[in-house]
N, C-alpha and C. Protein backbone atom coordinates (compact mmCIF):
# COMPACT_ATOMS: atom_id res chain seq x y z
N MET A 1 95.96 149.95 3.42
CA MET A 1 96.89 151.06 3.51
C MET A 1 98.28 150.46 3.01
N THR A 2 98.89 151.37 2.19
CA THR A 2 100.23 150.97 1.69
C THR A 2 101.34 151.63 2.49
N ALA A 3 102.31 150.88 2.84
CA ALA A 3 103.46 151.48 3.56
C ALA A 3 104.22 152.48 2.63
N ARG A 4 104.68 153.57 3.14
CA ARG A 4 105.35 154.59 2.33
C ARG A 4 106.77 154.68 2.81
N GLY A 5 107.68 154.70 1.88
CA GLY A 5 109.09 154.82 2.17
C GLY A 5 109.57 156.24 1.98
N VAL A 6 110.72 156.50 1.54
CA VAL A 6 111.30 157.74 1.23
C VAL A 6 110.51 158.46 0.24
N ARG A 7 110.21 159.77 0.49
CA ARG A 7 109.49 160.72 -0.37
C ARG A 7 108.16 160.06 -0.90
N GLY A 8 107.52 159.36 -0.02
CA GLY A 8 106.15 158.88 -0.33
C GLY A 8 106.13 157.73 -1.31
N LEU A 9 107.31 157.25 -1.73
CA LEU A 9 107.26 156.04 -2.54
C LEU A 9 106.95 154.75 -1.80
N PRO A 10 106.36 153.86 -2.51
CA PRO A 10 105.97 152.58 -1.76
C PRO A 10 107.22 151.94 -1.16
N HIS A 11 107.09 151.41 0.12
CA HIS A 11 108.24 150.85 0.82
C HIS A 11 108.54 149.48 0.21
N GLN A 12 109.79 149.22 -0.14
CA GLN A 12 110.21 148.02 -0.61
C GLN A 12 111.03 147.31 0.49
N THR A 13 110.85 146.04 0.69
CA THR A 13 111.74 145.33 1.63
C THR A 13 113.04 145.01 0.93
N MET A 14 114.04 145.02 1.72
CA MET A 14 115.39 144.73 1.20
C MET A 14 115.55 143.17 1.12
N PRO A 15 116.14 142.76 0.12
CA PRO A 15 116.39 141.31 0.08
C PRO A 15 117.42 140.89 1.28
N GLU A 16 117.30 139.66 1.68
CA GLU A 16 118.15 139.16 2.63
C GLU A 16 119.50 138.77 1.95
N LEU A 17 120.58 139.25 2.55
CA LEU A 17 121.94 138.83 1.99
C LEU A 17 122.55 137.72 2.74
N PHE A 18 123.18 136.79 1.90
CA PHE A 18 123.92 135.68 2.53
C PHE A 18 125.23 135.60 1.74
N ALA A 19 126.27 135.29 2.53
CA ALA A 19 127.56 135.04 1.95
C ALA A 19 128.10 133.67 2.45
N TYR A 20 128.28 132.77 1.49
CA TYR A 20 128.84 131.40 1.84
C TYR A 20 130.32 131.47 1.49
N THR A 21 131.09 131.25 2.46
CA THR A 21 132.52 131.42 2.29
C THR A 21 133.31 130.24 2.63
N ASP A 22 134.46 129.98 1.95
CA ASP A 22 135.30 128.92 2.11
C ASP A 22 136.77 129.19 1.68
N GLY A 23 137.70 128.51 2.34
CA GLY A 23 139.08 128.58 1.98
C GLY A 23 139.61 127.23 1.75
N ALA A 24 140.68 127.13 0.92
CA ALA A 24 141.30 125.89 0.58
C ALA A 24 142.81 126.08 0.53
N CYS A 25 143.49 125.04 0.74
CA CYS A 25 144.99 125.06 0.71
C CYS A 25 145.51 123.72 0.30
N SER A 26 146.51 123.76 -0.54
CA SER A 26 147.22 122.45 -0.98
C SER A 26 148.52 122.39 -0.17
N GLY A 27 148.52 121.70 0.88
CA GLY A 27 149.64 121.77 1.82
C GLY A 27 149.18 122.88 2.72
N ASN A 28 149.83 122.85 3.93
CA ASN A 28 149.41 123.87 4.91
C ASN A 28 150.62 124.29 5.76
N PRO A 29 151.54 125.14 5.21
CA PRO A 29 151.21 126.16 4.23
C PRO A 29 151.45 125.53 2.87
N GLY A 30 150.96 126.30 1.81
CA GLY A 30 151.06 126.02 0.43
C GLY A 30 150.23 126.95 -0.36
N PRO A 31 150.03 126.71 -1.74
CA PRO A 31 149.20 127.53 -2.46
C PRO A 31 147.73 127.37 -1.93
N GLY A 32 147.04 128.51 -1.93
CA GLY A 32 145.70 128.49 -1.33
C GLY A 32 144.72 129.29 -2.05
N GLY A 33 143.44 129.16 -1.81
CA GLY A 33 142.47 130.04 -2.48
C GLY A 33 141.28 130.23 -1.56
N TRP A 34 140.43 131.17 -1.91
CA TRP A 34 139.27 131.53 -1.10
C TRP A 34 138.13 131.71 -2.13
N GLY A 35 136.94 131.43 -1.66
CA GLY A 35 135.72 131.54 -2.53
C GLY A 35 134.59 132.08 -1.72
N VAL A 36 133.69 132.84 -2.40
CA VAL A 36 132.50 133.40 -1.84
C VAL A 36 131.34 133.35 -2.81
N LEU A 37 130.22 132.86 -2.31
CA LEU A 37 129.04 132.77 -3.06
C LEU A 37 128.10 133.78 -2.34
N LEU A 38 127.88 134.99 -2.96
CA LEU A 38 126.99 135.98 -2.43
C LEU A 38 125.61 135.84 -2.98
N ARG A 39 124.60 135.90 -2.15
CA ARG A 39 123.25 135.75 -2.61
C ARG A 39 122.28 136.70 -1.97
N ALA A 40 121.49 137.42 -2.75
CA ALA A 40 120.46 138.25 -2.19
C ALA A 40 119.11 137.42 -2.46
N MET A 41 118.41 137.19 -1.35
CA MET A 41 117.19 136.41 -1.44
C MET A 41 115.93 137.30 -0.95
N ASP A 42 114.88 137.01 -1.73
CA ASP A 42 113.55 137.53 -1.32
C ASP A 42 112.63 136.38 -1.06
N GLY A 43 112.62 135.95 0.23
CA GLY A 43 111.95 134.70 0.66
C GLY A 43 112.80 133.60 0.13
N GLU A 44 112.13 132.76 -0.67
CA GLU A 44 112.82 131.65 -1.31
C GLU A 44 113.36 131.90 -2.69
N THR A 45 113.23 133.14 -3.16
CA THR A 45 113.68 133.46 -4.49
C THR A 45 115.04 134.15 -4.53
N ILE A 46 115.98 133.62 -5.39
CA ILE A 46 117.19 134.20 -5.55
C ILE A 46 116.96 135.54 -6.41
N VAL A 47 117.36 136.74 -5.86
CA VAL A 47 117.19 137.99 -6.54
C VAL A 47 118.49 138.29 -7.33
N LYS A 48 119.61 137.97 -6.69
CA LYS A 48 120.86 138.32 -7.37
C LYS A 48 121.96 137.31 -6.70
N GLU A 49 122.94 136.94 -7.56
CA GLU A 49 124.00 136.09 -7.14
C GLU A 49 125.31 136.55 -7.73
N LYS A 50 126.35 136.46 -6.87
CA LYS A 50 127.68 136.92 -7.40
C LYS A 50 128.70 135.96 -6.77
N GLU A 51 129.71 135.59 -7.60
CA GLU A 51 130.76 134.77 -7.05
C GLU A 51 132.09 135.49 -7.09
N LEU A 52 132.90 135.25 -6.10
CA LEU A 52 134.16 135.87 -5.92
C LEU A 52 135.14 134.78 -5.59
N SER A 53 136.41 134.91 -6.09
CA SER A 53 137.42 133.98 -5.72
C SER A 53 138.85 134.59 -5.92
N GLY A 54 139.75 134.05 -5.32
CA GLY A 54 141.20 134.48 -5.48
C GLY A 54 142.02 133.55 -4.72
N GLY A 55 143.34 133.81 -4.77
CA GLY A 55 144.26 132.93 -4.12
C GLY A 55 145.57 133.60 -3.88
N GLU A 56 146.47 132.82 -3.27
CA GLU A 56 147.92 133.24 -2.96
C GLU A 56 148.87 132.03 -3.19
N PRO A 57 150.07 132.29 -3.55
CA PRO A 57 151.02 131.21 -3.75
C PRO A 57 151.48 130.48 -2.57
N GLU A 58 151.51 131.14 -1.40
CA GLU A 58 152.06 130.51 -0.25
C GLU A 58 151.27 131.07 0.97
N THR A 59 150.36 130.25 1.56
CA THR A 59 149.46 130.66 2.61
C THR A 59 149.00 129.42 3.37
N THR A 60 147.97 129.74 4.25
CA THR A 60 147.41 128.57 5.04
C THR A 60 145.93 128.56 4.90
N ASN A 61 145.35 127.44 5.27
CA ASN A 61 143.90 127.32 5.14
C ASN A 61 143.16 128.30 6.05
N ASN A 62 143.65 128.57 7.18
CA ASN A 62 143.03 129.50 8.13
C ASN A 62 143.02 130.92 7.44
N ARG A 63 144.10 131.31 6.90
CA ARG A 63 144.30 132.61 6.24
C ARG A 63 143.26 132.77 5.10
N MET A 64 143.08 131.67 4.30
CA MET A 64 142.12 131.69 3.24
C MET A 64 140.66 131.76 3.70
N GLU A 65 140.45 131.05 4.81
CA GLU A 65 139.10 131.15 5.37
C GLU A 65 138.71 132.53 5.85
N LEU A 66 139.73 133.19 6.49
CA LEU A 66 139.50 134.50 6.93
C LEU A 66 139.38 135.48 5.73
N LEU A 67 140.14 135.34 4.68
CA LEU A 67 140.14 136.23 3.52
C LEU A 67 138.81 136.06 2.83
N ALA A 68 138.23 134.90 2.76
CA ALA A 68 136.93 134.69 2.13
C ALA A 68 135.87 135.58 2.83
N ALA A 69 135.85 135.56 4.16
CA ALA A 69 134.85 136.34 4.94
C ALA A 69 135.14 137.85 4.77
N ILE A 70 136.46 138.19 4.81
CA ILE A 70 136.76 139.62 4.54
C ILE A 70 136.34 140.08 3.14
N ARG A 71 136.65 139.30 2.11
CA ARG A 71 136.28 139.75 0.78
C ARG A 71 134.78 139.79 0.63
N ALA A 72 134.04 138.92 1.27
CA ALA A 72 132.53 139.01 1.15
C ALA A 72 132.07 140.33 1.78
N LEU A 73 132.56 140.77 2.90
CA LEU A 73 132.11 141.94 3.52
C LEU A 73 132.63 143.21 2.69
N GLU A 74 133.84 143.13 2.27
CA GLU A 74 134.43 144.29 1.57
C GLU A 74 133.79 144.45 0.20
N SER A 75 133.14 143.49 -0.32
CA SER A 75 132.47 143.61 -1.61
C SER A 75 131.06 144.32 -1.61
N LEU A 76 130.60 144.53 -0.32
CA LEU A 76 129.30 145.19 -0.17
C LEU A 76 129.48 146.65 -0.40
N SER A 77 128.64 147.26 -1.21
CA SER A 77 128.80 148.70 -1.52
C SER A 77 128.19 149.64 -0.48
N ARG A 78 127.35 149.07 0.39
CA ARG A 78 126.77 149.88 1.47
C ARG A 78 126.53 149.06 2.76
N SER A 79 126.31 149.68 3.83
CA SER A 79 126.05 149.00 5.11
C SER A 79 124.89 148.12 4.96
N SER A 80 124.96 146.88 5.35
CA SER A 80 123.88 145.88 5.06
C SER A 80 123.87 144.87 6.20
N PRO A 81 122.63 144.37 6.46
CA PRO A 81 122.53 143.16 7.25
C PRO A 81 122.92 141.97 6.33
N ILE A 82 123.69 141.01 6.92
CA ILE A 82 124.20 139.95 6.09
C ILE A 82 124.37 138.69 7.02
N THR A 83 124.18 137.54 6.53
CA THR A 83 124.52 136.35 7.19
C THR A 83 125.72 135.73 6.43
N ILE A 84 126.75 135.50 7.21
CA ILE A 84 127.92 134.84 6.65
C ILE A 84 127.93 133.36 7.14
N VAL A 85 127.91 132.51 6.15
CA VAL A 85 127.88 131.03 6.45
C VAL A 85 129.18 130.52 6.14
N THR A 86 129.94 129.92 7.19
CA THR A 86 131.25 129.37 7.02
C THR A 86 131.32 127.96 7.55
N ASP A 87 132.31 127.22 6.98
CA ASP A 87 132.55 125.86 7.53
C ASP A 87 133.76 125.90 8.48
N SER A 88 134.23 127.05 8.79
CA SER A 88 135.44 127.30 9.59
C SER A 88 135.03 127.66 10.99
N ALA A 89 135.25 126.73 11.98
CA ALA A 89 135.00 126.99 13.33
C ALA A 89 136.03 128.09 13.76
N TYR A 90 137.16 128.04 13.22
CA TYR A 90 138.26 129.07 13.50
C TYR A 90 137.68 130.40 13.29
N VAL A 91 137.13 130.66 12.10
CA VAL A 91 136.56 131.98 11.75
C VAL A 91 135.44 132.40 12.68
N LYS A 92 134.42 131.40 12.74
CA LYS A 92 133.14 131.74 13.45
C LYS A 92 133.57 132.00 14.91
N ASN A 93 134.28 131.10 15.53
CA ASN A 93 134.50 131.21 16.95
C ASN A 93 135.41 132.47 17.18
N GLY A 94 136.39 132.64 16.35
CA GLY A 94 137.29 133.84 16.43
C GLY A 94 136.52 135.15 16.39
N VAL A 95 135.63 135.32 15.48
CA VAL A 95 134.99 136.59 15.27
C VAL A 95 133.80 136.81 16.21
N THR A 96 133.17 135.80 16.69
CA THR A 96 132.04 135.95 17.62
C THR A 96 132.46 135.87 19.11
N SER A 97 133.65 135.29 19.38
CA SER A 97 133.97 135.04 20.80
C SER A 97 135.38 135.63 21.09
N TRP A 98 136.36 134.98 20.46
CA TRP A 98 137.79 135.16 20.90
C TRP A 98 138.19 136.66 20.69
N ILE A 99 137.78 137.31 19.54
CA ILE A 99 138.23 138.63 19.17
C ILE A 99 138.02 139.65 20.26
N HIS A 100 137.01 139.58 21.06
CA HIS A 100 136.76 140.52 22.12
C HIS A 100 137.89 140.50 23.15
N GLY A 101 138.40 139.33 23.55
CA GLY A 101 139.54 139.26 24.51
C GLY A 101 140.84 139.66 23.81
N TRP A 102 140.95 139.31 22.53
CA TRP A 102 142.17 139.73 21.90
C TRP A 102 142.36 141.26 21.83
N LYS A 103 141.20 141.92 21.49
CA LYS A 103 141.25 143.37 21.43
C LYS A 103 141.56 143.93 22.83
N ARG A 104 140.87 143.44 23.81
CA ARG A 104 141.18 143.96 25.22
C ARG A 104 142.60 143.79 25.60
N ASN A 105 143.24 142.57 25.11
CA ASN A 105 144.63 142.30 25.48
C ASN A 105 145.62 142.80 24.53
N GLY A 106 145.17 143.82 23.69
CA GLY A 106 146.25 144.33 22.70
C GLY A 106 146.58 143.35 21.70
N TRP A 107 145.64 142.55 21.16
CA TRP A 107 145.83 141.55 20.20
C TRP A 107 146.79 140.48 20.57
N LYS A 108 146.62 140.12 21.89
CA LYS A 108 147.40 138.97 22.43
C LYS A 108 146.37 137.92 22.90
N THR A 109 146.83 136.64 22.92
CA THR A 109 145.94 135.53 23.36
C THR A 109 145.98 135.58 24.86
N SER A 110 145.13 134.70 25.40
CA SER A 110 145.08 134.61 26.88
C SER A 110 146.44 134.13 27.45
N ASN A 111 147.30 133.58 26.58
CA ASN A 111 148.68 133.14 27.06
C ASN A 111 149.65 134.24 26.77
N LYS A 112 149.19 135.47 26.49
CA LYS A 112 150.04 136.60 26.18
C LYS A 112 150.88 136.46 24.89
N LYS A 113 150.49 135.58 24.05
CA LYS A 113 151.17 135.41 22.71
C LYS A 113 150.48 136.21 21.70
N PRO A 114 151.17 136.72 20.65
CA PRO A 114 150.53 137.47 19.61
C PRO A 114 149.53 136.51 18.85
N VAL A 115 148.38 137.10 18.55
CA VAL A 115 147.35 136.49 17.79
C VAL A 115 147.77 136.13 16.41
N LYS A 116 147.63 134.86 16.02
CA LYS A 116 148.16 134.54 14.62
C LYS A 116 147.16 135.15 13.58
N ASN A 117 147.76 135.54 12.45
CA ASN A 117 146.88 136.20 11.41
C ASN A 117 146.31 137.57 11.85
N VAL A 118 147.01 138.17 12.80
CA VAL A 118 146.45 139.39 13.41
C VAL A 118 145.96 140.40 12.41
N GLU A 119 146.77 140.62 11.31
CA GLU A 119 146.26 141.63 10.34
C GLU A 119 145.05 141.27 9.61
N LEU A 120 144.80 139.98 9.40
CA LEU A 120 143.50 139.56 8.85
C LEU A 120 142.38 139.66 9.87
N TRP A 121 142.62 139.31 11.05
CA TRP A 121 141.55 139.47 12.10
C TRP A 121 141.25 140.97 12.29
N GLN A 122 142.17 141.86 12.25
CA GLN A 122 141.88 143.33 12.30
C GLN A 122 141.17 143.72 11.04
N ARG A 123 141.49 143.31 9.93
CA ARG A 123 140.80 143.66 8.70
C ARG A 123 139.37 143.11 8.69
N LEU A 124 139.09 141.87 9.20
CA LEU A 124 137.84 141.41 9.37
C LEU A 124 137.01 142.20 10.34
N ASP A 125 137.56 142.48 11.49
CA ASP A 125 136.88 143.32 12.48
C ASP A 125 136.44 144.67 11.97
N GLU A 126 137.35 145.32 11.14
CA GLU A 126 137.02 146.53 10.50
C GLU A 126 135.91 146.39 9.46
N ALA A 127 136.00 145.33 8.63
CA ALA A 127 135.10 145.04 7.59
C ALA A 127 133.72 144.79 8.09
N GLN A 128 133.60 144.15 9.22
CA GLN A 128 132.29 143.76 9.76
C GLN A 128 131.65 144.92 10.53
N ALA A 129 132.44 145.91 10.95
CA ALA A 129 131.91 147.03 11.80
C ALA A 129 130.83 147.82 11.18
N SER A 130 130.76 148.01 9.86
CA SER A 130 129.81 148.74 9.27
C SER A 130 128.55 147.94 8.67
N HIS A 131 128.51 146.72 9.13
CA HIS A 131 127.42 145.76 8.70
C HIS A 131 126.84 145.18 9.96
N ASP A 132 125.64 144.62 9.81
CA ASP A 132 124.95 143.89 10.86
C ASP A 132 125.15 142.45 10.41
N VAL A 133 126.21 141.82 10.94
CA VAL A 133 126.56 140.45 10.56
C VAL A 133 126.10 139.36 11.47
N THR A 134 125.46 138.41 10.93
CA THR A 134 125.10 137.18 11.63
C THR A 134 126.01 136.04 11.11
N TRP A 135 126.65 135.38 12.01
CA TRP A 135 127.60 134.33 11.67
C TRP A 135 126.98 132.91 11.90
N GLU A 136 127.04 132.05 10.88
CA GLU A 136 126.50 130.72 11.02
C GLU A 136 127.69 129.73 10.50
N TRP A 137 127.71 128.58 11.23
CA TRP A 137 128.67 127.57 10.90
C TRP A 137 127.88 126.38 10.30
N VAL A 138 128.43 125.80 9.26
CA VAL A 138 127.94 124.60 8.69
C VAL A 138 129.08 123.55 8.55
N LYS A 139 128.74 122.39 8.61
CA LYS A 139 129.68 121.20 8.50
C LYS A 139 130.16 121.25 7.05
N GLY A 140 131.55 121.33 6.89
CA GLY A 140 132.12 121.31 5.55
C GLY A 140 132.08 119.91 4.92
N HIS A 141 131.94 119.97 3.59
CA HIS A 141 132.04 118.76 2.76
C HIS A 141 130.85 117.75 3.24
N ALA A 142 129.74 118.36 3.52
CA ALA A 142 128.62 117.54 3.92
C ALA A 142 127.40 117.61 3.03
N GLY A 143 127.61 118.15 1.85
CA GLY A 143 126.57 118.25 0.86
C GLY A 143 125.75 119.46 0.96
N HIS A 144 126.14 120.55 1.66
CA HIS A 144 125.48 121.75 1.74
C HIS A 144 125.75 122.43 0.37
N PRO A 145 124.79 122.63 -0.46
CA PRO A 145 125.04 123.07 -1.88
C PRO A 145 125.76 124.42 -1.96
N GLU A 146 125.41 125.40 -1.14
CA GLU A 146 126.14 126.61 -1.21
C GLU A 146 127.52 126.56 -0.68
N ASN A 147 127.74 125.83 0.41
CA ASN A 147 129.02 125.53 0.91
C ASN A 147 129.97 124.83 -0.07
N GLU A 148 129.37 123.85 -0.73
CA GLU A 148 130.07 123.15 -1.79
C GLU A 148 130.52 124.05 -2.91
N ARG A 149 129.60 125.00 -3.28
CA ARG A 149 129.97 125.96 -4.35
C ARG A 149 131.11 126.87 -3.91
N ALA A 150 131.05 127.37 -2.71
CA ALA A 150 132.07 128.15 -2.10
C ALA A 150 133.46 127.42 -2.08
N ASP A 151 133.38 126.12 -1.85
CA ASP A 151 134.60 125.26 -1.85
C ASP A 151 135.12 125.17 -3.26
N GLU A 152 134.26 124.99 -4.27
CA GLU A 152 134.69 124.93 -5.70
C GLU A 152 135.34 126.31 -6.02
N LEU A 153 134.77 127.40 -5.65
CA LEU A 153 135.39 128.71 -5.92
C LEU A 153 136.72 128.92 -5.31
N ALA A 154 136.83 128.36 -4.04
CA ALA A 154 138.17 128.46 -3.36
C ALA A 154 139.19 127.63 -4.13
N ARG A 155 138.87 126.36 -4.53
CA ARG A 155 139.75 125.58 -5.26
C ARG A 155 140.16 126.17 -6.59
N ALA A 156 139.18 126.86 -7.24
CA ALA A 156 139.42 127.56 -8.52
C ALA A 156 140.42 128.76 -8.25
N GLY A 157 140.27 129.43 -7.16
CA GLY A 157 141.09 130.47 -6.76
C GLY A 157 142.51 130.06 -6.51
N MET A 158 142.59 128.79 -5.97
CA MET A 158 143.98 128.24 -5.72
C MET A 158 144.72 127.72 -6.94
N ALA A 159 143.89 127.29 -7.94
CA ALA A 159 144.44 126.53 -9.11
C ALA A 159 145.56 127.20 -9.81
N PRO A 160 145.57 128.48 -10.13
CA PRO A 160 146.68 129.03 -10.81
C PRO A 160 148.00 128.95 -10.02
N PHE A 161 147.87 129.04 -8.67
CA PHE A 161 149.08 128.97 -7.87
C PHE A 161 149.60 127.60 -7.67
N LYS A 162 148.65 126.70 -7.62
CA LYS A 162 149.02 125.24 -7.41
C LYS A 162 149.79 124.80 -8.58
N SER A 163 149.36 125.14 -9.85
CA SER A 163 150.04 124.64 -11.03
C SER A 163 151.49 125.26 -11.19
N LYS A 164 151.63 126.51 -10.70
CA LYS A 164 152.96 127.18 -10.76
C LYS A 164 153.88 126.50 -9.84
N LYS A 165 153.43 126.18 -8.64
CA LYS A 165 154.33 125.51 -7.58
C LYS A 165 154.70 124.14 -8.06
N SER A 166 153.72 123.42 -8.62
CA SER A 166 154.14 122.02 -9.05
C SER A 166 155.05 121.95 -10.19
N THR A 167 155.13 123.08 -11.02
CA THR A 167 156.04 123.08 -12.15
C THR A 167 157.37 123.86 -11.80
N GLY A 168 157.35 124.51 -10.68
CA GLY A 168 158.50 125.34 -10.31
C GLY A 168 159.36 124.62 -9.50
């Protein structure tokens, strides 16, 4: 028996989506970049791949790590299950644990201080709300091929700003 989907058409399984994200900064603060390797997988087969990157002239590493995750989610055209793989414990812990208390406390920390990068945390919270997101942490600079590629993209996103700062 064949599974039937919409209007009697054969049911097709959706590819699994993965976003490998990274941020980079030269100085902290300083010029920075973010990078994303988006991958749709059907089992072990890469169905589609897309790379995203960008940067800012004066930022921090944490802001770039957050922006990479945000851009990954904002690049999706429809609500999707996705696994975001980051080497940032700050992002993973923040979005899976700390954010719940921050929201309850009016975006204040347990010490009643304003949450750093609050506008990016709020943007990430909004971006993930329409998706089924699984967060995974990997050790950075440890030879994980997709994480290494995300790092290359982040450094490429930073490059135009880094050269301007060094000549300015």
